[in-house]
C-alpha atoms as a PDB file:
ATOM      1  CA  MET A   1       6.613  10.149  22.339  1.00  0.00           C
ATOM      2  CA  GLY A   2       7.374   8.658  18.956  1.00  0.00           C
ATOM      3  CA  ASP A   3      10.205   9.012  16.520  1.00  0.00           C
ATOM      4  CA  ASN A   4      10.835  12.179  14.517  1.00  0.00           C
ATOM      5  CA  LYS A   5      11.107  10.108  11.331  1.00  0.00           C
ATOM      6  CA  TRP A   6       7.403   9.307  11.678  1.00  0.00           C
ATOM      7  CA  MET A   7       6.056  12.518  13.173  1.00  0.00           C
ATOM      8  CA  ASN A   8       5.532  15.752  11.266  1.00  0.00           C
ATOM      9  CA  THR A   9       6.274  14.331   7.836  1.00  0.00           C
ATOM     10  CA  THR A  10       3.837  13.327   5.154  1.00  0.00           C
ATOM     11  CA  LYS A  11       4.206   9.709   4.164  1.00  0.00           C
ATOM     12  CA  THR A  12       3.956   8.714   0.508  1.00  0.00           C
ATOM     13  CA  VAL A  13       2.085   5.636  -0.665  1.00  0.00           C
ATOM     14  CA  LEU A  14       2.271   4.332  -4.227  1.00  0.00           C
ATOM     15  CA  ALA A  15      -0.860   2.504  -5.387  1.00  0.00           C
ATOM     16  CA  ILE A  16      -0.251   0.105  -8.292  1.00  0.00           C
ATOM     17  CA  ASP A  17      -3.412  -1.290  -9.888  1.00  0.00           C
ATOM     18  CA  ASP A  18      -4.474  -1.610 -13.521  1.00  0.00           C
ATOM     19  CA  ASP A  19      -8.005  -0.460 -12.598  1.00  0.00           C
ATOM     20  CA  ILE A  20      -8.022   3.342 -12.781  1.00  0.00           C
ATOM     21  CA  ALA A  21     -11.143   3.529 -10.594  1.00  0.00           C
ATOM     22  CA  ILE A  22      -9.296   1.663  -7.824  1.00  0.00           C
ATOM     23  CA  THR A  23      -6.203   3.885  -7.980  1.00  0.00           C
ATOM     24  CA  GLU A  24      -8.420   6.993  -7.945  1.00  0.00           C
ATOM     25  CA  LEU A  25     -10.329   5.662  -4.921  1.00  0.00           C
ATOM     26  CA  LEU A  26      -7.094   4.740  -3.136  1.00  0.00           C
ATOM     27  CA  SER A  27      -5.711   8.189  -3.875  1.00  0.00           C
ATOM     28  CA  ILE A  28      -8.764   9.840  -2.280  1.00  0.00           C
ATOM     29  CA  ILE A  29      -8.643   7.550   0.765  1.00  0.00           C
ATOM     30  CA  LEU A  30      -4.904   8.098   1.239  1.00  0.00           C
ATOM     31  CA  ARG A  31      -5.091  11.877   0.916  1.00  0.00           C
ATOM     32  CA  THR A  32      -8.071  11.998   3.286  1.00  0.00           C
ATOM     33  CA  HIS A  33      -5.891  10.284   5.889  1.00  0.00           C
ATOM     34  CA  GLY A  34      -2.910  12.600   5.433  1.00  0.00           C
ATOM     35  CA  PHE A  35      -0.788  10.599   2.996  1.00  0.00           C
ATOM     36  CA  GLU A  36       0.698  11.780  -0.266  1.00  0.00           C
ATOM     37  CA  ALA A  37      -0.653   9.461  -2.959  1.00  0.00           C
ATOM     38  CA  LEU A  38       1.124   8.323  -6.100  1.00  0.00           C
ATOM     39  CA  THR A  39      -0.597   6.036  -8.591  1.00  0.00           C
ATOM     40  CA  ALA A  40       0.469   3.727 -11.391  1.00  0.00           C
ATOM     41  CA  ASN A  41      -1.859   1.780 -13.650  1.00  0.00           C
ATOM     42  CA  ASN A  42       0.758  -0.587 -15.016  1.00  0.00           C
ATOM     43  CA  SER A  43       3.792  -2.352 -13.651  1.00  0.00           C
ATOM     44  CA  GLU A  44       6.357  -0.417 -15.677  1.00  0.00           C
ATOM     45  CA  ASP A  45       5.121   2.934 -14.326  1.00  0.00           C
ATOM     46  CA  GLY A  46       5.021   1.441 -10.833  1.00  0.00           C
ATOM     47  CA  LEU A  47       8.642   0.327 -10.982  1.00  0.00           C
ATOM     48  CA  ARG A  48       9.693   3.712 -12.390  1.00  0.00           C
ATOM     49  CA  LEU A  49       7.904   5.591  -9.583  1.00  0.00           C
ATOM     50  CA  ILE A  50       9.494   3.360  -6.940  1.00  0.00           C
ATOM     51  CA  SER A  51      12.941   4.256  -8.299  1.00  0.00           C
ATOM     52  CA  GLU A  52      12.205   7.960  -8.766  1.00  0.00           C
ATOM     53  CA  LYS A  53      10.057   8.767  -5.725  1.00  0.00           C
ATOM     54  CA  SER A  54      11.072   6.210  -3.051  1.00  0.00           C
ATOM     55  CA  PRO A  55       7.582   5.889  -1.512  1.00  0.00           C
ATOM     56  CA  ASP A  56       7.149   4.920   2.140  1.00  0.00           C
ATOM     57  CA  ALA A  57       4.770   2.066   1.227  1.00  0.00           C
ATOM     58  CA  ILE A  58       3.273   0.401  -1.842  1.00  0.00           C
ATOM     59  CA  THR A  59      -0.162  -1.093  -2.409  1.00  0.00           C
ATOM     60  CA  LEU A  60      -0.169  -3.666  -5.179  1.00  0.00           C
ATOM     61  CA  ASP A  61      -2.879  -5.557  -7.009  1.00  0.00           C
ATOM     62  CA  LEU A  62      -2.122  -9.161  -7.989  1.00  0.00           C
ATOM     63  CA  MET A  63      -4.103  -9.332 -11.210  1.00  0.00           C
ATOM     64  CA  MET A  64      -2.169  -7.022 -13.502  1.00  0.00           C
ATOM     65  CA  PRO A  65      -2.183  -7.510 -17.282  1.00  0.00           C
ATOM     66  CA  ASP A  66       1.488  -6.852 -18.017  1.00  0.00           C
ATOM     67  CA  ILE A  67       3.446  -8.189 -15.025  1.00  0.00           C
ATOM     68  CA  ASP A  68       1.394  -9.972 -12.371  1.00  0.00           C
ATOM     69  CA  GLY A  69       1.610  -8.978  -8.707  1.00  0.00           C
ATOM     70  CA  LEU A  70       3.681 -12.013  -7.773  1.00  0.00           C
ATOM     71  CA  GLU A  71       6.404 -11.109 -10.267  1.00  0.00           C
ATOM     72  CA  MET A  72       6.088  -7.437  -9.273  1.00  0.00           C
ATOM     73  CA  CYS A  73       6.846  -8.355  -5.643  1.00  0.00           C
ATOM     74  CA  LYS A  74      10.042 -10.033  -6.790  1.00  0.00           C
ATOM     75  CA  ARG A  75      11.041  -7.085  -9.000  1.00  0.00           C
ATOM     76  CA  ILE A  76      10.296  -4.532  -6.292  1.00  0.00           C
ATOM     77  CA  ARG A  77      12.346  -6.524  -3.772  1.00  0.00           C
ATOM     78  CA  ALA A  78      15.261  -6.524  -6.222  1.00  0.00           C
ATOM     79  CA  ILE A  79      15.399  -2.699  -6.070  1.00  0.00           C
ATOM     80  CA  SER A  80      13.715  -1.654  -2.817  1.00  0.00           C
ATOM     81  CA  ARG A  81      12.934  -2.555   0.798  1.00  0.00           C
ATOM     82  CA  THR A  82       9.754  -0.448   0.738  1.00  0.00           C
ATOM     83  CA  PRO A  83       6.853  -2.220   2.489  1.00  0.00           C
ATOM     84  CA  ILE A  84       4.436  -3.868   0.040  1.00  0.00           C
ATOM     85  CA  LEU A  85       0.770  -4.318   0.917  1.00  0.00           C
ATOM     86  CA  VAL A  86      -1.011  -6.556  -1.576  1.00  0.00           C
ATOM     87  CA  LEU A  87      -4.682  -5.683  -2.117  1.00  0.00           C
ATOM     88  CA  SER A  88      -6.419  -8.425  -4.035  1.00  0.00           C
ATOM     89  CA  ALA A  89      -9.811  -9.942  -4.709  1.00  0.00           C
ATOM     90  CA  ILE A  90      -8.079 -13.338  -4.671  1.00  0.00           C
ATOM     91  CA  ASN A  91      -8.969 -15.060  -1.399  1.00  0.00           C
ATOM     92  CA  ASP A  92      -6.766 -18.154  -1.595  1.00  0.00           C
ATOM     93  CA  PRO A  93      -4.486 -19.047   1.351  1.00  0.00           C
ATOM     94  CA  ALA A  94      -1.959 -20.701  -0.972  1.00  0.00           C
ATOM     95  CA  MET A  95      -1.690 -17.502  -3.031  1.00  0.00           C
ATOM     96  CA  VAL A  96      -1.359 -15.387   0.118  1.00  0.00           C
ATOM     97  CA  ALA A  97       1.535 -17.580   1.283  1.00  0.00           C
ATOM     98  CA  THR A  98       3.199 -17.482  -2.141  1.00  0.00           C
ATOM     99  CA  VAL A  99       2.988 -13.700  -2.378  1.00  0.00           C
ATOM    100  CA  LEU A 100       4.295 -13.191   1.155  1.00  0.00           C
ATOM    101  CA  ASP A 101       7.181 -15.547   0.385  1.00  0.00           C
ATOM    102  CA  ALA A 102       7.883 -13.536  -2.799  1.00  0.00           C
ATOM    103  CA  GLY A 103       8.462 -10.375  -0.775  1.00  0.00           C
ATOM    104  CA  ALA A 104       5.114  -8.811   0.127  1.00  0.00           C
ATOM    105  CA  ASP A 105       4.846  -7.589   3.719  1.00  0.00           C
ATOM    106  CA  ASP A 106       1.072  -7.868   4.088  1.00  0.00           C
ATOM    107  CA  PHE A 107      -1.953  -9.136   2.167  1.00  0.00           C
ATOM    108  CA  ILE A 108      -5.529  -7.855   2.394  1.00  0.00           C
ATOM    109  CA  VAL A 109      -8.492  -9.303   0.525  1.00  0.00           C
ATOM    110  CA  LYS A 110     -10.779  -6.740  -1.147  1.00  0.00           C
ATOM    111  CA  PRO A 111     -13.186  -5.332  -0.209  1.00  0.00           C
ATOM    112  CA  VAL A 112     -11.527  -3.744   2.806  1.00  0.00           C
ATOM    113  CA  PRO A 113     -12.830  -0.872   4.949  1.00  0.00           C
ATOM    114  CA  SER A 114     -10.709   2.232   4.438  1.00  0.00           C
ATOM    115  CA  ALA A 115      -9.847   2.470   8.162  1.00  0.00           C
ATOM    116  CA  VAL A 116      -8.440  -1.080   8.092  1.00  0.00           C
ATOM    117  CA  LEU A 117      -6.374  -0.282   5.000  1.00  0.00           C
ATOM    118  CA  ILE A 118      -4.963   2.852   6.640  1.00  0.00           C
ATOM    119  CA  ALA A 119      -4.199   0.972   9.867  1.00  0.00           C
ATOM    120  CA  HIS A 120      -2.236  -1.686   7.934  1.00  0.00           C
ATOM    121  CA  LEU A 121      -0.300   0.987   6.027  1.00  0.00           C
ATOM    122  CA  ASN A 122       0.492   2.882   9.244  1.00  0.00           C
ATOM    123  CA  THR A 123       1.778  -0.334  10.816  1.00  0.00           C
ATOM    124  CA  LEU A 124       3.970  -1.209   7.819  1.00  0.00           C
ATOM    125  CA  ILE A 125       5.467   2.272   7.654  1.00  0.00           C
ATOM    126  CA  ARG A 126       6.116   2.438  11.414  1.00  0.00           C
ATOM    127  CA  ARG A 127       7.864  -0.934  11.293  1.00  0.00           C
ATOM    128  CA  SER A 128       9.966   0.071   8.293  1.00  0.00           C
ATOM    129  CA  LEU A 129      11.065   3.207  10.159  1.00  0.00           C
ATOM    130  CA  GLY A 130      11.764   1.274  13.340  1.00  0.00           C
ATOM    131  CA  THR A 131       9.294   3.157  15.513  1.00  0.00           C
ATOM    132  CA  GLY A 132       6.238   1.909  17.328  1.00  0.00           C
ATOM    133  CA  ALA A 133       4.580   5.226  18.091  1.00  0.00           C
ATOM    134  CA  LEU A 134       1.969   6.998  16.050  1.00  0.00           C
ATOM    135  CA  GLU A 135       1.328  10.709  16.072  1.00  0.00           C
ATOM    136  CA  HIS A 136      -2.290  11.166  17.120  1.00  0.00           C
ATOM    137  CA  ASN A 137      -3.499  12.821  13.900  1.00  0.00           C
ATOM    138  CA  VAL A 138      -2.393   9.989  11.591  1.00  0.00           C
ATOM    139  CA  THR A 139      -4.433   7.196  13.118  1.00  0.00           C
ATOM    140  CA  ALA A 140      -7.060   5.549  10.954  1.00  0.00           C
ATOM    141  CA  LYS A 141     -10.515   7.017  11.360  1.00  0.00           C
ATOM    142  CA  TRP A 142     -13.856   5.882  10.012  1.00  0.00           C
ATOM    143  CA  LEU A 143     -15.235   8.592   7.796  1.00  0.00           C
ATOM    144  CA  PRO A 144     -18.977   9.140   7.388  1.00  0.00           C
ATOM    145  CA  GLY A 145     -20.123   7.416   4.219  1.00  0.00           C
ATOM    146  CA  SER A 146     -16.816   5.685   3.602  1.00  0.00           C
ATOM    147  CA  ALA A 147     -17.342   2.520   1.664  1.00  0.00           C
ATOM    148  CA  PRO A 148     -15.080  -0.517   1.736  1.00  0.00           C
ATOM    149  CA  LEU A 149     -12.584  -0.764  -1.072  1.00  0.00           C
ATOM    150  CA  SER A 150     -13.702  -3.365  -3.556  1.00  0.00           C
ATOM    151  CA  SER A 151     -12.471  -4.709  -6.826  1.00  0.00           C
END
């Protein structure tokens, strides 16, 4: 059951957010759920890590000081087909539509429970690999005391 590309390999997620506390929290959540976590706190480092490390998925904040998330989606799409999950405190349907049209694959409004975040990432990675099956030990699980991700 499942595809060998998904099973028995650690998936890498790159978290791009200018807020160091958010990237540290994402890193902990990702590692807890079996992912390798890479972090970037500015757009330039994010683009460099995408080129150097070829992550399996990217989480991206919209409100970045150097290059905003909308422009980052466009720049990432120019160099990569890696799934992009936008995590933003912006809860505006017009912005969601604009970002999805710019190349993002999914959009979640913060705060988000960690299990929901992991489920979205699993789905994006499975789709990008062309498999629908999940190995049992990589499913999202609620952890005792896990707090929703917030801005």
